[in-house]
Protein backbone atom coordinates (compact mmCIF):
# COMPACT_ATOMS: atom_id res chain seq x y z
CA UNK A 1 -33.39 84.24 -86.82
CA UNK A 2 -34.13 87.95 -86.80
CA UNK A 3 -38.06 88.67 -86.99
CA UNK A 4 -37.57 90.76 -90.28
CA UNK A 5 -36.54 88.37 -92.60
CA UNK A 6 -39.06 85.83 -90.98
CA UNK A 7 -42.03 88.24 -91.76
CA UNK A 8 -40.87 89.11 -95.16
CA UNK A 9 -40.59 85.38 -95.94
CA UNK A 10 -43.92 84.68 -94.78
CA UNK A 11 -45.43 87.62 -96.43
CA UNK A 12 -43.87 86.45 -99.86
CA UNK A 13 -45.18 82.87 -98.97
CA UNK A 14 -48.70 84.42 -98.72
CA UNK A 15 -48.34 86.16 -101.95
CA UNK A 16 -47.23 83.06 -103.87
CA UNK A 17 -50.00 81.19 -102.48
CA UNK A 18 -52.70 83.55 -103.25
CA UNK A 19 -51.31 83.93 -107.00
CA UNK A 20 -51.50 79.85 -107.08
CA UNK A 21 -55.15 80.03 -105.81
CA UNK A 22 -55.79 82.67 -108.40
CA UNK A 23 -54.52 80.61 -111.24
CA UNK A 24 -56.21 77.42 -110.01
CA UNK A 25 -59.36 79.38 -109.83
CA UNK A 26 -59.11 80.77 -113.36
CA UNK A 27 -58.07 77.58 -114.80
CA UNK A 28 -61.27 75.86 -113.32
CA UNK A 29 -63.50 78.56 -114.75
CA UNK A 30 -61.81 78.29 -118.16
CA UNK A 31 -62.18 74.37 -118.06
CA UNK A 32 -65.84 75.00 -117.07
CA UNK A 33 -66.47 77.34 -120.15
CA UNK A 34 -64.55 75.15 -122.29
CA UNK A 35 -66.44 72.05 -121.45
CA UNK A 36 -69.56 73.83 -122.29
CA UNK A 37 -68.35 74.50 -125.98
CA UNK A 38 -69.34 70.95 -126.98
CA UNK A 39 -73.19 71.45 -125.86
CA UNK A 40 -74.94 70.78 -122.57
CA UNK A 41 -73.47 68.49 -119.76
CA UNK A 42 -75.74 65.56 -119.15
CA UNK A 43 -77.17 65.36 -115.82
CA UNK A 44 -74.68 63.79 -113.18
CA UNK A 45 -71.96 64.51 -115.43
CA UNK A 46 -68.89 66.86 -115.70
CA UNK A 47 -67.17 68.25 -118.89
CA UNK A 48 -63.86 70.01 -118.77
CA UNK A 49 -61.57 71.46 -121.84
CA UNK A 50 -58.81 73.71 -121.21
CA UNK A 51 -55.56 74.88 -122.33
CA UNK A 52 -53.00 73.81 -119.94
CA UNK A 53 -49.94 75.70 -121.20
CA UNK A 54 -49.00 76.52 -124.92
CA UNK A 55 -48.57 73.03 -125.80
CA UNK A 56 -51.20 71.25 -123.90
CA UNK A 57 -55.05 70.96 -124.17
CA UNK A 58 -56.90 68.91 -121.70
CA UNK A 59 -60.35 66.96 -122.25
CA UNK A 60 -61.79 65.66 -119.14
CA UNK A 61 -65.36 64.11 -119.24
CA UNK A 62 -67.12 61.98 -116.45
CA UNK A 63 -70.64 60.67 -116.98
CA UNK A 64 -73.13 58.04 -115.62
CA UNK A 65 -73.32 55.04 -118.12
CA UNK A 66 -76.55 53.00 -118.54
CA UNK A 67 -76.00 51.13 -115.18
CA UNK A 68 -75.56 54.47 -113.28
CA UNK A 69 -72.05 53.87 -113.12
CA UNK A 70 -69.33 56.71 -113.31
CA UNK A 71 -67.35 56.74 -116.22
CA UNK A 72 -64.27 58.72 -116.48
CA UNK A 73 -62.19 60.09 -119.61
CA UNK A 74 -59.22 62.15 -119.76
CA UNK A 75 -57.57 63.16 -123.08
CA UNK A 76 -54.32 64.88 -123.35
CA UNK A 77 -53.49 66.40 -126.57
CA UNK A 78 -49.55 67.71 -126.87
CA UNK A 79 -48.97 70.20 -129.83
CA UNK A 80 -45.57 69.42 -131.41
CA UNK A 81 -43.46 70.81 -134.46
CA UNK A 82 -43.90 67.09 -136.05
CA UNK A 83 -48.09 66.89 -135.25
CA UNK A 84 -50.39 66.68 -132.50
CA UNK A 85 -50.06 63.64 -130.20
CA UNK A 86 -53.09 62.30 -127.93
CA UNK A 87 -52.99 60.18 -124.77
CA UNK A 88 -55.96 58.98 -123.33
CA UNK A 89 -56.38 57.98 -119.52
CA UNK A 90 -52.55 57.49 -119.30
CA UNK A 91 -52.00 55.20 -122.52
CA UNK A 92 -49.06 55.79 -124.76
CA UNK A 93 -49.37 58.86 -127.21
CA UNK A 94 -50.77 58.47 -130.75
CA UNK A 95 -50.72 60.93 -133.47
CA UNK A 96 -54.25 62.29 -134.28
CA UNK A 97 -55.84 62.02 -137.60
CA UNK A 98 -55.98 65.35 -139.65
CA UNK A 99 -59.87 65.35 -139.10
CA UNK A 100 -59.34 65.12 -135.27
CA UNK A 101 -56.61 67.74 -135.63
CA UNK A 102 -59.12 69.97 -137.42
CA UNK A 103 -61.70 69.54 -134.92
CA UNK A 104 -59.33 70.37 -131.96
CA UNK A 105 -58.43 73.60 -133.64
CA UNK A 106 -62.12 74.59 -134.25
CA UNK A 107 -62.64 73.84 -130.46
CA UNK A 108 -59.49 75.72 -129.43
CA UNK A 109 -60.79 78.57 -131.45
CA UNK A 110 -64.20 78.52 -129.91
CA UNK A 111 -62.59 78.25 -126.40
CA UNK A 112 -60.46 81.12 -127.00
CA UNK A 113 -63.32 83.32 -128.02
CA UNK A 114 -65.53 82.37 -125.09
CA UNK A 115 -62.64 82.81 -122.38
CA UNK A 116 -62.00 86.11 -123.87
CA UNK A 117 -65.46 87.39 -123.78
CA UNK A 118 -66.97 85.75 -120.67
CA UNK A 119 -63.79 85.76 -118.50
CA UNK A 120 -61.40 88.31 -119.52
CA UNK A 121 -63.41 90.89 -121.43
CA UNK A 122 -62.70 93.72 -118.95
CA UNK A 123 -58.88 92.91 -118.96
CA UNK A 124 -58.47 93.02 -122.58
């Protein structure tokens, strides 16, 4: 194989890898900021809240219970024309109540405000 196509292919792959890593890094930072909108994260815990794509929100939390055992809960919200569906820890989807939908909307608004001011302010 001629060397130029190999070099171009390698360069394109490195660029794709850099872009993918940048995306993952920004998503991790957004998730951390999003997790903070619900208050302080308890010691030994982890909380993330982020927008995965235009239709999907993720809430992930880890904590130590009274017996110091790690507990983990992941909630996925899918925004659809017919309503908001929620699945926790891989279970089946259920429609959320109006109250939960309103809380998700408020959280999404706070998330957007915080990531715009704390992460992307220089680019807006």
